[in-house]
């Protein structure tokens, strides 16, 4: 067997922590939209887990995401599928992820913790990977690298699906959609039309039959 049952369990655990807790809850709902409050300890833990998703520091991530809301479904939107689907799945091909818009992240640029993560992001990840790998390369793979890869791919699928197929509860002036398939494996983020209409609402669910596991 390529993976034992314990490995599958650890991959799922890593995916929940890195993608669900780190990316969906903290990078998206907490840092990008300030939709809830929490203690500093949970803030730091969630932020480090979000960084381990290998999609950039909070400054980079929030800049891209806030620009996505401001210029949704235009050429200025890094998530816009018509600019190239492949670049959604392979972030290094997406030049927009290497840029930040300082005016959109003024709040984070004032924070020394975020500046540290932004300036030394690659070094921090490399240091964590070496330390993790020295302890166990196998667990580095199943608890971090595979979950982080799954997060990148599932986020790309969500970006593609929720601006291409699904239903709309609201007219937001863009192509945002609610897509059930994306909700199931990506923390309720598939309720994208609801989110675009009320971006600062922590709970993306509006209708009784909708599903937001991240709330």
C-alpha atoms as a PDB file:
ATOM      1  CA  UNK A   1       0.000   0.000   0.000  1.00  0.00           C
ATOM      2  CA  UNK A   2       1.271   3.462  -0.921  1.00  0.00           C
ATOM      3  CA  UNK A   3      -0.264   4.952   2.222  1.00  0.00           C
ATOM      4  CA  UNK A   4      -1.291   3.260   5.437  1.00  0.00           C
ATOM      5  CA  UNK A   5      -4.597   4.153   7.056  1.00  0.00           C
ATOM      6  CA  UNK A   6      -2.706   6.205   9.662  1.00  0.00           C
ATOM      7  CA  UNK A   7      -1.092   8.195   6.840  1.00  0.00           C
ATOM      8  CA  UNK A   8      -4.460   8.975   5.278  1.00  0.00           C
ATOM      9  CA  UNK A   9      -5.650  10.134   8.702  1.00  0.00           C
ATOM     10  CA  UNK A  10      -2.600  12.374   9.111  1.00  0.00           C
ATOM     11  CA  UNK A  11      -3.021  13.836   5.619  1.00  0.00           C
ATOM     12  CA  UNK A  12      -6.633  14.663   6.491  1.00  0.00           C
ATOM     13  CA  UNK A  13      -5.512  16.189   9.808  1.00  0.00           C
ATOM     14  CA  UNK A  14      -2.868  18.277   8.031  1.00  0.00           C
ATOM     15  CA  UNK A  15      -5.407  19.394   5.449  1.00  0.00           C
ATOM     16  CA  UNK A  16      -7.906  20.440   8.125  1.00  0.00           C
ATOM     17  CA  UNK A  17      -5.258  22.431  10.033  1.00  0.00           C
ATOM     18  CA  UNK A  18      -3.466  24.042   7.084  1.00  0.00           C
ATOM     19  CA  UNK A  19      -6.321  24.547   4.648  1.00  0.00           C
ATOM     20  CA  UNK A  20      -9.377  24.778   6.883  1.00  0.00           C
ATOM     21  CA  UNK A  21      -8.010  26.475   9.986  1.00  0.00           C
ATOM     22  CA  UNK A  22      -5.046  28.314   8.455  1.00  0.00           C
ATOM     23  CA  UNK A  23      -6.362  29.402   5.050  1.00  0.00           C
ATOM     24  CA  UNK A  24     -10.164  29.511   5.211  1.00  0.00           C
ATOM     25  CA  UNK A  25     -10.614  30.638   8.816  1.00  0.00           C
ATOM     26  CA  UNK A  26      -7.557  32.844   9.370  1.00  0.00           C
ATOM     27  CA  UNK A  27      -6.140  34.064   6.065  1.00  0.00           C
ATOM     28  CA  UNK A  28      -9.566  34.512   4.499  1.00  0.00           C
ATOM     29  CA  UNK A  29     -12.159  35.257   7.159  1.00  0.00           C
ATOM     30  CA  UNK A  30      -9.918  36.714   9.864  1.00  0.00           C
ATOM     31  CA  UNK A  31      -7.137  38.632   8.101  1.00  0.00           C
ATOM     32  CA  UNK A  32      -8.714  39.471   4.736  1.00  0.00           C
ATOM     33  CA  UNK A  33     -12.153  40.444   6.041  1.00  0.00           C
ATOM     34  CA  UNK A  34     -11.735  40.919   9.824  1.00  0.00           C
ATOM     35  CA  UNK A  35     -14.994  39.026  10.288  1.00  0.00           C
ATOM     36  CA  UNK A  36     -14.340  37.808  13.863  1.00  0.00           C
ATOM     37  CA  UNK A  37     -12.093  38.348  16.879  1.00  0.00           C
ATOM     38  CA  UNK A  38      -9.935  35.880  18.760  1.00  0.00           C
ATOM     39  CA  UNK A  39      -7.041  35.692  21.241  1.00  0.00           C
ATOM     40  CA  UNK A  40      -3.436  36.359  20.250  1.00  0.00           C
ATOM     41  CA  UNK A  41      -2.391  32.738  20.768  1.00  0.00           C
ATOM     42  CA  UNK A  42      -5.011  31.431  18.333  1.00  0.00           C
ATOM     43  CA  UNK A  43      -4.168  34.285  15.976  1.00  0.00           C
ATOM     44  CA  UNK A  44      -0.485  33.280  15.866  1.00  0.00           C
ATOM     45  CA  UNK A  45      -1.221  29.560  15.529  1.00  0.00           C
ATOM     46  CA  UNK A  46      -3.764  30.109  12.765  1.00  0.00           C
ATOM     47  CA  UNK A  47      -1.442  32.485  10.930  1.00  0.00           C
ATOM     48  CA  UNK A  48       1.536  30.106  10.965  1.00  0.00           C
ATOM     49  CA  UNK A  49      -0.699  27.265   9.777  1.00  0.00           C
ATOM     50  CA  UNK A  50      -1.954  29.519   6.983  1.00  0.00           C
ATOM     51  CA  UNK A  51       1.627  30.298   5.968  1.00  0.00           C
ATOM     52  CA  UNK A  52       2.313  26.558   5.723  1.00  0.00           C
ATOM     53  CA  UNK A  53      -0.186  26.365   2.853  1.00  0.00           C
ATOM     54  CA  UNK A  54       2.634  27.787   0.671  1.00  0.00           C
ATOM     55  CA  UNK A  55       0.416  30.488  -0.835  1.00  0.00           C
ATOM     56  CA  UNK A  56       2.297  33.443   0.603  1.00  0.00           C
ATOM     57  CA  UNK A  57       2.315  35.478   3.801  1.00  0.00           C
ATOM     58  CA  UNK A  58      -0.865  37.163   5.086  1.00  0.00           C
ATOM     59  CA  UNK A  59       0.204  40.440   3.444  1.00  0.00           C
ATOM     60  CA  UNK A  60       0.536  38.791   0.036  1.00  0.00           C
ATOM     61  CA  UNK A  61      -2.556  36.616   0.418  1.00  0.00           C
ATOM     62  CA  UNK A  62      -4.784  39.442   1.659  1.00  0.00           C
ATOM     63  CA  UNK A  63      -3.565  41.830  -1.026  1.00  0.00           C
ATOM     64  CA  UNK A  64      -4.465  39.337  -3.759  1.00  0.00           C
ATOM     65  CA  UNK A  65      -7.799  38.492  -2.162  1.00  0.00           C
ATOM     66  CA  UNK A  66      -8.878  42.058  -1.465  1.00  0.00           C
ATOM     67  CA  UNK A  67      -7.973  42.955  -5.027  1.00  0.00           C
ATOM     68  CA  UNK A  68     -10.093  39.991  -6.147  1.00  0.00           C
ATOM     69  CA  UNK A  69     -13.113  41.526  -4.398  1.00  0.00           C
ATOM     70  CA  UNK A  70     -12.381  45.011  -5.692  1.00  0.00           C
ATOM     71  CA  UNK A  71     -11.856  43.944  -9.328  1.00  0.00           C
ATOM     72  CA  UNK A  72     -13.741  40.662  -9.435  1.00  0.00           C
ATOM     73  CA  UNK A  73     -13.854  38.934 -12.843  1.00  0.00           C
ATOM     74  CA  UNK A  74     -11.664  41.494 -14.578  1.00  0.00           C
ATOM     75  CA  UNK A  75      -8.070  41.367 -15.816  1.00  0.00           C
ATOM     76  CA  UNK A  76      -6.975  42.895 -12.501  1.00  0.00           C
ATOM     77  CA  UNK A  77      -8.341  39.847 -10.639  1.00  0.00           C
ATOM     78  CA  UNK A  78      -5.684  37.179  -9.940  1.00  0.00           C
ATOM     79  CA  UNK A  79      -8.447  34.568  -9.588  1.00  0.00           C
ATOM     80  CA  UNK A  80     -10.071  35.376 -12.929  1.00  0.00           C
ATOM     81  CA  UNK A  81     -10.292  32.029 -14.816  1.00  0.00           C
ATOM     82  CA  UNK A  82     -10.229  33.661 -18.234  1.00  0.00           C
ATOM     83  CA  UNK A  83      -6.693  34.910 -17.562  1.00  0.00           C
ATOM     84  CA  UNK A  84      -5.536  31.279 -17.631  1.00  0.00           C
ATOM     85  CA  UNK A  85      -6.817  28.242 -15.762  1.00  0.00           C
ATOM     86  CA  UNK A  86      -3.381  26.609 -15.428  1.00  0.00           C
ATOM     87  CA  UNK A  87      -2.024  29.491 -13.370  1.00  0.00           C
ATOM     88  CA  UNK A  88      -4.724  28.852 -10.767  1.00  0.00           C
ATOM     89  CA  UNK A  89      -3.293  25.368 -10.191  1.00  0.00           C
ATOM     90  CA  UNK A  90       0.404  26.341 -10.393  1.00  0.00           C
ATOM     91  CA  UNK A  91       0.871  29.567  -8.357  1.00  0.00           C
ATOM     92  CA  UNK A  92       4.410  30.212  -9.667  1.00  0.00           C
ATOM     93  CA  UNK A  93       2.852  30.831 -13.090  1.00  0.00           C
ATOM     94  CA  UNK A  94       0.625  33.550 -11.662  1.00  0.00           C
ATOM     95  CA  UNK A  95       2.665  36.770 -11.586  1.00  0.00           C
ATOM     96  CA  UNK A  96      -0.105  38.511  -9.630  1.00  0.00           C
ATOM     97  CA  UNK A  97       0.759  36.438  -6.558  1.00  0.00           C
ATOM     98  CA  UNK A  98       4.206  38.044  -6.406  1.00  0.00           C
ATOM     99  CA  UNK A  99       2.748  41.569  -6.255  1.00  0.00           C
ATOM    100  CA  UNK A 100       1.075  43.423  -3.423  1.00  0.00           C
ATOM    101  CA  UNK A 101      -1.106  46.525  -3.445  1.00  0.00           C
ATOM    102  CA  UNK A 102       0.069  48.510  -0.384  1.00  0.00           C
ATOM    103  CA  UNK A 103      -3.123  50.579  -0.235  1.00  0.00           C
ATOM    104  CA  UNK A 104      -5.189  47.417   0.164  1.00  0.00           C
ATOM    105  CA  UNK A 105      -3.146  46.040   3.086  1.00  0.00           C
ATOM    106  CA  UNK A 106      -2.264  49.202   5.021  1.00  0.00           C
ATOM    107  CA  UNK A 107      -3.525  47.566   8.222  1.00  0.00           C
ATOM    108  CA  UNK A 108      -1.168  44.596   7.917  1.00  0.00           C
ATOM    109  CA  UNK A 109       1.829  46.672   6.822  1.00  0.00           C
ATOM    110  CA  UNK A 110       1.670  48.486  10.183  1.00  0.00           C
ATOM    111  CA  UNK A 111       2.123  45.184  12.050  1.00  0.00           C
ATOM    112  CA  UNK A 112       5.726  44.068  12.747  1.00  0.00           C
ATOM    113  CA  UNK A 113       4.669  40.418  12.932  1.00  0.00           C
ATOM    114  CA  UNK A 114       3.204  40.566   9.435  1.00  0.00           C
ATOM    115  CA  UNK A 115       6.173  42.461   8.055  1.00  0.00           C
ATOM    116  CA  UNK A 116       8.463  39.769   9.464  1.00  0.00           C
ATOM    117  CA  UNK A 117       6.396  37.005   7.827  1.00  0.00           C
ATOM    118  CA  UNK A 118       6.346  38.918   4.544  1.00  0.00           C
ATOM    119  CA  UNK A 119      10.075  39.732   4.446  1.00  0.00           C
ATOM    120  CA  UNK A 120      11.275  36.281   5.511  1.00  0.00           C
ATOM    121  CA  UNK A 121       8.449  34.079   4.240  1.00  0.00           C
ATOM    122  CA  UNK A 122      10.544  31.706   2.110  1.00  0.00           C
ATOM    123  CA  UNK A 123      13.272  31.457   4.749  1.00  0.00           C
ATOM    124  CA  UNK A 124      10.702  30.685   7.451  1.00  0.00           C
ATOM    125  CA  UNK A 125       9.164  27.899   5.362  1.00  0.00           C
ATOM    126  CA  UNK A 126      12.577  26.480   4.483  1.00  0.00           C
ATOM    127  CA  UNK A 127      13.626  26.488   8.157  1.00  0.00           C
ATOM    128  CA  UNK A 128      10.383  24.767   9.187  1.00  0.00           C
ATOM    129  CA  UNK A 129      10.743  22.199   6.399  1.00  0.00           C
ATOM    130  CA  UNK A 130      14.354  21.363   7.346  1.00  0.00           C
ATOM    131  CA  UNK A 131      13.465  21.053  11.038  1.00  0.00           C
ATOM    132  CA  UNK A 132      10.419  18.929  10.215  1.00  0.00           C
ATOM    133  CA  UNK A 133      12.382  16.806   7.735  1.00  0.00           C
ATOM    134  CA  UNK A 134      15.179  16.135  10.215  1.00  0.00           C
ATOM    135  CA  UNK A 135      12.617  14.756  12.642  1.00  0.00           C
ATOM    136  CA  UNK A 136      10.829  12.676   9.998  1.00  0.00           C
ATOM    137  CA  UNK A 137      10.712  13.166   6.228  1.00  0.00           C
ATOM    138  CA  UNK A 138       7.707  10.842   6.086  1.00  0.00           C
ATOM    139  CA  UNK A 139       5.669  12.992   8.452  1.00  0.00           C
ATOM    140  CA  UNK A 140       6.860  16.124   6.660  1.00  0.00           C
ATOM    141  CA  UNK A 141       5.154  14.693   3.585  1.00  0.00           C
ATOM    142  CA  UNK A 142       1.901  13.459   5.126  1.00  0.00           C
ATOM    143  CA  UNK A 143       1.351  16.266   7.631  1.00  0.00           C
ATOM    144  CA  UNK A 144       2.517  19.217   5.543  1.00  0.00           C
ATOM    145  CA  UNK A 145       3.577  18.881   1.905  1.00  0.00           C
ATOM    146  CA  UNK A 146       0.707  16.702   0.671  1.00  0.00           C
ATOM    147  CA  UNK A 147      -1.978  18.703   2.565  1.00  0.00           C
ATOM    148  CA  UNK A 148      -0.480  21.964   1.270  1.00  0.00           C
ATOM    149  CA  UNK A 149      -0.542  20.633  -2.296  1.00  0.00           C
ATOM    150  CA  UNK A 150      -4.150  19.513  -1.879  1.00  0.00           C
ATOM    151  CA  UNK A 151      -5.004  22.982  -0.588  1.00  0.00           C
ATOM    152  CA  UNK A 152      -3.488  24.663  -3.667  1.00  0.00           C
ATOM    153  CA  UNK A 153      -5.372  22.369  -6.044  1.00  0.00           C
ATOM    154  CA  UNK A 154      -8.710  22.473  -4.211  1.00  0.00           C
ATOM    155  CA  UNK A 155      -8.500  26.260  -3.878  1.00  0.00           C
ATOM    156  CA  UNK A 156      -7.855  26.470  -7.632  1.00  0.00           C
ATOM    157  CA  UNK A 157     -10.889  24.265  -8.311  1.00  0.00           C
ATOM    158  CA  UNK A 158     -12.967  26.477  -6.011  1.00  0.00           C
ATOM    159  CA  UNK A 159     -11.789  29.678  -7.720  1.00  0.00           C
ATOM    160  CA  UNK A 160     -12.649  28.152 -11.090  1.00  0.00           C
ATOM    161  CA  UNK A 161     -16.011  26.621 -10.162  1.00  0.00           C
ATOM    162  CA  UNK A 162     -17.366  29.506  -8.090  1.00  0.00           C
ATOM    163  CA  UNK A 163     -16.901  31.965 -10.932  1.00  0.00           C
ATOM    164  CA  UNK A 164     -18.127  29.635 -13.658  1.00  0.00           C
ATOM    165  CA  UNK A 165     -20.904  27.302 -12.491  1.00  0.00           C
ATOM    166  CA  UNK A 166     -23.590  27.445  -9.832  1.00  0.00           C
ATOM    167  CA  UNK A 167     -26.459  29.569  -8.630  1.00  0.00           C
ATOM    168  CA  UNK A 168     -26.729  33.156  -7.397  1.00  0.00           C
ATOM    169  CA  UNK A 169     -28.717  34.421  -4.436  1.00  0.00           C
ATOM    170  CA  UNK A 170     -27.611  38.003  -5.094  1.00  0.00           C
ATOM    171  CA  UNK A 171     -26.672  40.271  -7.976  1.00  0.00           C
ATOM    172  CA  UNK A 172     -23.153  41.385  -7.039  1.00  0.00           C
ATOM    173  CA  UNK A 173     -22.226  42.765 -10.433  1.00  0.00           C
ATOM    174  CA  UNK A 174     -19.752  39.936 -11.029  1.00  0.00           C
ATOM    175  CA  UNK A 175     -19.817  36.258 -11.953  1.00  0.00           C
ATOM    176  CA  UNK A 176     -19.614  34.885  -8.399  1.00  0.00           C
ATOM    177  CA  UNK A 177     -21.562  31.661  -7.901  1.00  0.00           C
ATOM    178  CA  UNK A 178     -22.556  29.329  -5.089  1.00  0.00           C
ATOM    179  CA  UNK A 179     -21.203  25.904  -5.949  1.00  0.00           C
ATOM    180  CA  UNK A 180     -22.136  22.923  -3.784  1.00  0.00           C
ATOM    181  CA  UNK A 181     -19.274  20.730  -4.991  1.00  0.00           C
ATOM    182  CA  UNK A 182     -16.704  23.254  -3.782  1.00  0.00           C
ATOM    183  CA  UNK A 183     -18.489  23.638  -0.436  1.00  0.00           C
ATOM    184  CA  UNK A 184     -18.024  19.973   0.388  1.00  0.00           C
ATOM    185  CA  UNK A 185     -14.226  19.784   0.135  1.00  0.00           C
ATOM    186  CA  UNK A 186     -13.239  23.427   0.668  1.00  0.00           C
ATOM    187  CA  UNK A 187     -14.775  24.601   3.928  1.00  0.00           C
ATOM    188  CA  UNK A 188     -17.957  26.215   2.635  1.00  0.00           C
ATOM    189  CA  UNK A 189     -15.920  28.563   0.438  1.00  0.00           C
ATOM    190  CA  UNK A 190     -18.092  27.423  -2.454  1.00  0.00           C
ATOM    191  CA  UNK A 191     -20.817  29.795  -1.214  1.00  0.00           C
ATOM    192  CA  UNK A 192     -18.964  32.498  -3.081  1.00  0.00           C
ATOM    193  CA  UNK A 193     -21.923  34.544  -4.276  1.00  0.00           C
ATOM    194  CA  UNK A 194     -23.161  34.887  -0.699  1.00  0.00           C
ATOM    195  CA  UNK A 195     -19.649  35.858   0.370  1.00  0.00           C
ATOM    196  CA  UNK A 196     -19.248  38.479  -2.351  1.00  0.00           C
ATOM    197  CA  UNK A 197     -22.547  40.070  -1.308  1.00  0.00           C
ATOM    198  CA  UNK A 198     -21.599  40.109   2.411  1.00  0.00           C
ATOM    199  CA  UNK A 199     -17.773  39.844   2.465  1.00  0.00           C
ATOM    200  CA  UNK A 200     -17.418  40.757   6.144  1.00  0.00           C
ATOM    201  CA  UNK A 201     -19.870  38.101   7.323  1.00  0.00           C
ATOM    202  CA  UNK A 202     -18.029  35.170   8.939  1.00  0.00           C
ATOM    203  CA  UNK A 203     -20.814  32.722   8.038  1.00  0.00           C
ATOM    204  CA  UNK A 204     -21.206  32.240   4.273  1.00  0.00           C
ATOM    205  CA  UNK A 205     -24.431  30.276   4.676  1.00  0.00           C
ATOM    206  CA  UNK A 206     -27.674  32.127   3.878  1.00  0.00           C
ATOM    207  CA  UNK A 207     -30.249  29.487   2.930  1.00  0.00           C
ATOM    208  CA  UNK A 208     -31.136  26.625   5.306  1.00  0.00           C
ATOM    209  CA  UNK A 209     -29.909  24.015   2.815  1.00  0.00           C
ATOM    210  CA  UNK A 210     -26.489  25.621   2.305  1.00  0.00           C
ATOM    211  CA  UNK A 211     -23.373  24.206   3.959  1.00  0.00           C
ATOM    212  CA  UNK A 212     -20.466  26.167   5.464  1.00  0.00           C
ATOM    213  CA  UNK A 213     -18.180  23.870   7.450  1.00  0.00           C
ATOM    214  CA  UNK A 214     -15.753  26.742   8.104  1.00  0.00           C
ATOM    215  CA  UNK A 215     -18.171  28.776  10.214  1.00  0.00           C
END
